Amino acid sequence: MKDFLEIYSGSTVDAGFVKKYLEENGVICYVENKHDATITANWSEIKSVIGSSVLVKSNDFEKAENLVKKYLNSSDS
């Protein structure tokens, strides 16, 4: 998926919330679980540290960046 860029990185749960928020606002995205890459290296205990990334289409990056900032600011209050 070379036309996708990482917009958010964090816990798997938080990445799911960010993905849902972006989709509700018309941004196509997906979550990439960073844990999947460690399974073959037998580092499964690192899952909670590594987490997940949310990736968006490159042409939606600016819109997604603004939405993620808005989402993170609203969840801090």
Protein backbone atom coordinates (compact mmCIF):
# COMPACT_ATOMS: atom_id res chain seq x y z
CA MET A 1 0.00 0.00 0.00
CA LYS A 2 2.55 2.52 -1.14
CA ASP A 3 0.04 5.36 -1.54
CA PHE A 4 -0.65 5.35 2.21
CA LEU A 5 1.17 7.38 4.87
CA GLU A 6 1.29 6.96 8.63
CA ILE A 7 -0.82 9.60 10.37
CA TYR A 8 -0.90 8.16 13.90
CA SER A 9 1.03 5.67 15.99
CA GLY A 10 0.01 4.45 19.43
CA SER A 11 -1.72 1.65 21.25
CA THR A 12 -3.91 -0.69 19.25
CA VAL A 13 -7.01 0.57 21.09
CA ASP A 14 -6.21 4.24 20.48
CA ALA A 15 -5.43 3.54 16.82
CA GLY A 16 -8.88 1.96 16.50
CA PHE A 17 -10.53 5.09 17.90
CA VAL A 18 -8.52 7.34 15.57
CA LYS A 19 -9.45 5.14 12.59
CA LYS A 20 -13.13 5.31 13.48
CA TYR A 21 -13.00 9.10 13.84
CA LEU A 22 -11.25 9.53 10.50
CA GLU A 23 -13.73 7.25 8.72
CA GLU A 24 -16.66 9.16 10.25
CA ASN A 25 -15.16 12.26 8.64
CA GLY A 26 -14.75 10.72 5.19
CA VAL A 27 -11.08 9.70 5.32
CA ILE A 28 -10.13 6.28 3.95
CA CYS A 29 -7.66 4.63 6.31
CA TYR A 30 -6.56 1.37 7.85
CA VAL A 31 -4.77 0.16 10.97
CA GLU A 32 -1.48 -1.66 10.67
CA ASN A 33 -0.70 -3.76 13.71
CA LYS A 34 3.04 -3.43 14.35
CA HIS A 35 2.87 -6.60 16.43
CA ASP A 36 2.34 -8.68 13.29
CA ALA A 37 5.92 -7.97 12.18
CA THR A 38 7.34 -9.18 15.50
CA ILE A 39 5.57 -12.53 15.56
CA THR A 40 8.06 -14.18 13.24
CA ALA A 41 10.91 -12.76 15.30
CA ASN A 42 9.34 -14.35 18.42
CA TRP A 43 8.99 -10.99 20.18
CA SER A 44 5.32 -11.35 21.00
CA GLU A 45 5.70 -9.92 24.51
CA ILE A 46 6.48 -6.52 22.97
CA LYS A 47 2.91 -6.10 21.63
CA SER A 48 1.78 -3.55 24.21
CA VAL A 49 4.87 -1.40 23.61
CA ILE A 50 4.79 -1.45 19.81
CA GLY A 51 1.08 -0.89 19.21
CA SER A 52 -0.40 0.07 15.87
CA SER A 53 -0.31 2.74 13.19
CA VAL A 54 -3.13 4.39 11.30
CA LEU A 55 -2.37 4.96 7.63
CA VAL A 56 -4.26 7.25 5.26
CA LYS A 57 -4.19 7.81 1.52
CA SER A 58 -1.49 10.32 0.66
CA ASN A 59 -3.99 12.71 -0.95
CA ASP A 60 -6.00 12.76 2.34
CA PHE A 61 -2.97 13.33 4.57
CA GLU A 62 -3.50 17.05 5.26
CA LYS A 63 -7.20 16.60 6.08
CA ALA A 64 -6.40 13.58 8.24
CA GLU A 65 -3.62 15.43 10.05
CA ASN A 66 -6.02 18.22 11.02
CA LEU A 67 -8.65 15.71 12.14
CA VAL A 68 -6.17 13.73 14.26
CA LYS A 69 -5.01 16.94 15.95
CA LYS A 70 -8.63 17.89 16.64
CA TYR A 71 -9.40 14.40 17.96
CA LEU A 72 -6.35 14.31 20.24
CA ASN A 73 -7.06 17.80 21.59
CA SER A 74 -10.69 16.89 22.34
CA SER A 75 -9.70 13.65 24.10
CA ASP A 76 -7.25 15.55 26.35
CA SER A 77 -9.99 17.72 27.82
